[in-house]
Protein backbone atom coordinates (compact mmCIF):
# COMPACT_ATOMS: atom_id res chain seq x y z
CA MET A 1 4.98 -166.18 -108.61
CA VAL A 2 5.99 -169.84 -108.29
CA GLU A 3 4.21 -169.98 -104.90
CA TYR A 4 0.90 -169.25 -106.63
CA LEU A 5 1.25 -172.04 -109.22
CA PRO A 6 -0.53 -174.71 -107.09
CA LEU A 7 -3.39 -172.29 -106.50
CA LEU A 8 -3.66 -171.60 -110.22
CA VAL A 9 -3.62 -175.33 -111.02
CA LEU A 10 -6.36 -175.96 -108.43
CA PHE A 11 -8.48 -173.14 -109.90
CA VAL A 12 -8.06 -174.52 -113.44
CA LEU A 13 -8.97 -178.03 -112.25
CA ALA A 14 -12.07 -176.70 -110.51
CA LEU A 15 -13.16 -174.91 -113.69
CA LEU A 16 -12.52 -178.03 -115.78
CA PHE A 17 -14.54 -180.16 -113.35
CA ALA A 18 -17.47 -177.72 -113.42
CA ALA A 19 -17.41 -177.45 -117.22
CA GLY A 20 -17.08 -181.24 -117.55
CA SER A 21 -20.06 -181.77 -115.26
CA PHE A 22 -22.25 -179.48 -117.35
CA LEU A 23 -21.03 -181.09 -120.57
CA ALA A 24 -21.66 -184.63 -119.28
CA SER A 25 -25.12 -183.62 -118.07
CA GLY A 26 -25.97 -182.25 -121.50
CA ILE A 27 -24.64 -185.31 -123.33
CA LEU A 28 -25.99 -188.00 -121.00
CA GLY A 29 -29.24 -186.31 -119.96
CA PRO A 30 -32.64 -187.20 -121.44
CA LYS A 31 -33.21 -185.69 -124.87
CA ARG A 32 -37.01 -186.06 -125.06
CA PRO A 33 -38.24 -185.82 -121.47
CA THR A 34 -41.53 -187.52 -120.67
CA ALA A 35 -43.53 -187.71 -117.46
CA ALA A 36 -42.08 -191.16 -116.76
CA LYS A 37 -38.50 -189.95 -117.28
CA GLN A 38 -38.95 -186.94 -115.03
CA ALA A 39 -40.70 -188.84 -112.22
CA PRO A 40 -38.55 -189.64 -109.20
CA TYR A 41 -37.23 -193.19 -109.18
CA GLU A 42 -38.28 -195.05 -106.05
CA CYS A 43 -37.00 -198.62 -106.48
CA GLY A 44 -39.48 -199.40 -109.23
CA ILE A 45 -42.50 -198.37 -107.16
CA VAL A 46 -44.79 -195.89 -108.87
CA PRO A 47 -45.23 -192.89 -106.53
CA THR A 48 -48.85 -192.52 -105.42
CA SER A 49 -48.51 -189.20 -103.66
CA GLY A 50 -46.80 -185.91 -104.23
CA PRO A 51 -43.41 -184.95 -102.86
CA ALA A 52 -42.93 -184.46 -99.15
CA GLU A 53 -43.39 -181.05 -97.62
CA ARG A 54 -40.51 -178.64 -97.62
CA PHE A 55 -38.39 -178.24 -94.52
CA PRO A 56 -39.38 -175.24 -92.44
CA VAL A 57 -37.07 -172.23 -92.40
CA ARG A 58 -36.26 -172.94 -88.75
CA PHE A 59 -34.40 -176.07 -89.82
CA TYR A 60 -32.07 -173.99 -91.99
CA LEU A 61 -31.59 -171.39 -89.25
CA VAL A 62 -30.41 -174.07 -86.86
CA ALA A 63 -28.14 -175.48 -89.57
CA MET A 64 -26.56 -172.04 -90.10
CA ILE A 65 -26.07 -171.61 -86.35
CA PHE A 66 -24.32 -174.98 -86.29
CA ILE A 67 -22.01 -173.88 -89.11
CA ILE A 68 -21.21 -170.61 -87.33
CA PHE A 69 -20.14 -172.49 -84.20
CA ASP A 70 -18.11 -174.94 -86.28
CA ILE A 71 -16.24 -172.01 -87.78
CA GLU A 72 -15.63 -170.57 -84.33
CA ILE A 73 -14.20 -173.87 -83.14
CA ILE A 74 -11.95 -174.01 -86.21
CA PHE A 75 -10.56 -170.60 -85.27
CA LEU A 76 -10.17 -171.51 -81.60
CA TYR A 77 -7.77 -174.44 -82.13
CA PRO A 78 -4.91 -172.50 -83.81
CA TRP A 79 -5.50 -169.61 -81.42
CA ALA A 80 -5.15 -171.94 -78.42
CA VAL A 81 -1.93 -173.42 -79.85
CA GLU A 82 -0.35 -170.02 -80.46
CA LEU A 83 -1.78 -168.19 -77.44
CA HIS A 84 1.60 -167.46 -75.85
CA ALA A 85 3.04 -166.16 -79.12
CA LEU A 86 0.05 -163.88 -79.77
CA GLY A 87 0.05 -162.38 -76.30
CA ALA A 88 -2.50 -159.82 -75.17
CA PHE A 89 -3.35 -158.79 -78.74
CA GLY A 90 -4.47 -162.34 -79.60
CA LEU A 91 -6.48 -162.56 -76.39
CA VAL A 92 -8.33 -159.31 -77.14
CA GLU A 93 -8.98 -160.30 -80.76
CA MET A 94 -10.43 -163.67 -79.75
CA GLY A 95 -12.52 -161.93 -77.10
CA VAL A 96 -13.98 -159.61 -79.75
CA PHE A 97 -14.64 -162.56 -82.07
CA THR A 98 -16.29 -164.61 -79.32
CA ALA A 99 -18.36 -161.61 -78.23
CA ALA A 100 -19.63 -161.15 -81.78
CA VAL A 101 -20.68 -164.82 -81.93
CA VAL A 102 -22.35 -164.69 -78.50
CA VAL A 103 -24.24 -161.49 -79.41
CA SER A 104 -25.47 -163.06 -82.65
CA LEU A 105 -26.53 -166.22 -80.80
CA SER A 106 -28.41 -164.22 -78.17
CA TYR A 107 -30.16 -162.28 -80.96
CA LEU A 108 -31.21 -165.54 -82.64
CA ILE A 109 -32.44 -167.02 -79.35
CA SER A 110 -34.43 -163.87 -78.57
CA ASN A 111 -36.10 -164.09 -82.00
CA GLY A 112 -37.03 -167.74 -81.42
CA ALA A 113 -34.66 -169.39 -83.90
CA LEU A 114 -34.19 -172.36 -81.57
CA ASP A 115 -37.87 -172.83 -80.66
CA TRP A 116 -38.81 -176.09 -82.38
CA GLY A 117 -42.08 -176.76 -80.59
CA PRO A 118 -45.50 -175.65 -81.77
CA ARG A 119 -46.07 -171.97 -81.62
CA ARG A 120 -48.41 -170.62 -79.03
CA GLY A 121 -51.77 -169.23 -80.09
CA ARG A 122 -50.89 -165.75 -78.86
CA ASP A 123 -47.80 -165.73 -81.09
CA LEU A 124 -49.94 -166.47 -84.15
CA GLY A 125 -52.76 -164.10 -83.23
CA LEU A 126 -55.18 -167.00 -82.64
CA ASP A 127 -56.50 -165.96 -79.23
CA ASP A 128 -59.94 -165.33 -80.69
CA ARG A 129 -60.38 -168.81 -82.18
CA THR A 130 -63.77 -170.45 -82.16
CA PRO A 131 -64.67 -173.98 -83.26
CA SER A 132 -66.05 -172.61 -86.52
CA ASN A 133 -62.91 -170.69 -87.60
CA ALA A 134 -60.37 -173.21 -86.21
CA VAL A 135 -61.44 -176.07 -88.49
CA VAL A 136 -59.48 -176.42 -91.71
CA ARG A 137 -61.62 -177.48 -94.64
CA VAL A 138 -60.07 -179.96 -97.09
CA PRO A 139 -61.16 -179.77 -100.73
CA SER A 140 -63.28 -182.75 -101.78
CA SER A 141 -61.16 -183.52 -104.88
CA SER A 142 -58.08 -184.38 -102.79
CA THR A 143 -60.07 -186.57 -100.39
CA SER A 144 -61.50 -188.65 -103.19
CA SER A 145 -58.06 -189.21 -104.77
CA THR A 146 -56.49 -190.22 -101.46
CA SER A 147 -59.31 -192.60 -100.60
CA SER A 148 -59.07 -194.30 -104.00
CA SER A 149 -55.31 -194.71 -103.66
CA ALA A 150 -55.70 -196.09 -100.14
CA GLU A 151 -58.13 -198.75 -101.36
CA ALA A 152 -55.72 -199.97 -104.07
């Protein structure tokens, strides 16, 4: 049981840190939030527009693929060091692991997870576009607010 003591101490410290973070946030956070307190701070400049658009899902897919390959590399280093000790069993196991990663990557590529360019019209079902249905109409209220902010 003595071998598990550092793990237990680390777990207790992690719980104390999480609880302390929530407690500090409750104590130090704003008590009576106003619009000015909840607005993002941008070096004293009052924001004139809304927040930026969200990242597309494709960005997160590529990030997850990157993490998967990082994990594979992490497993490859100790395997390469101990290859002679593991023998044929280690070689087969790493082959199965690498095959699983390659199959998942080929599945993602076939579904277009790495296609960052604009999508083709046939992919979006836009082959029957005409000038009248391809134009996006902007509401007049947003154009008047952007033109007034641009003049200021």
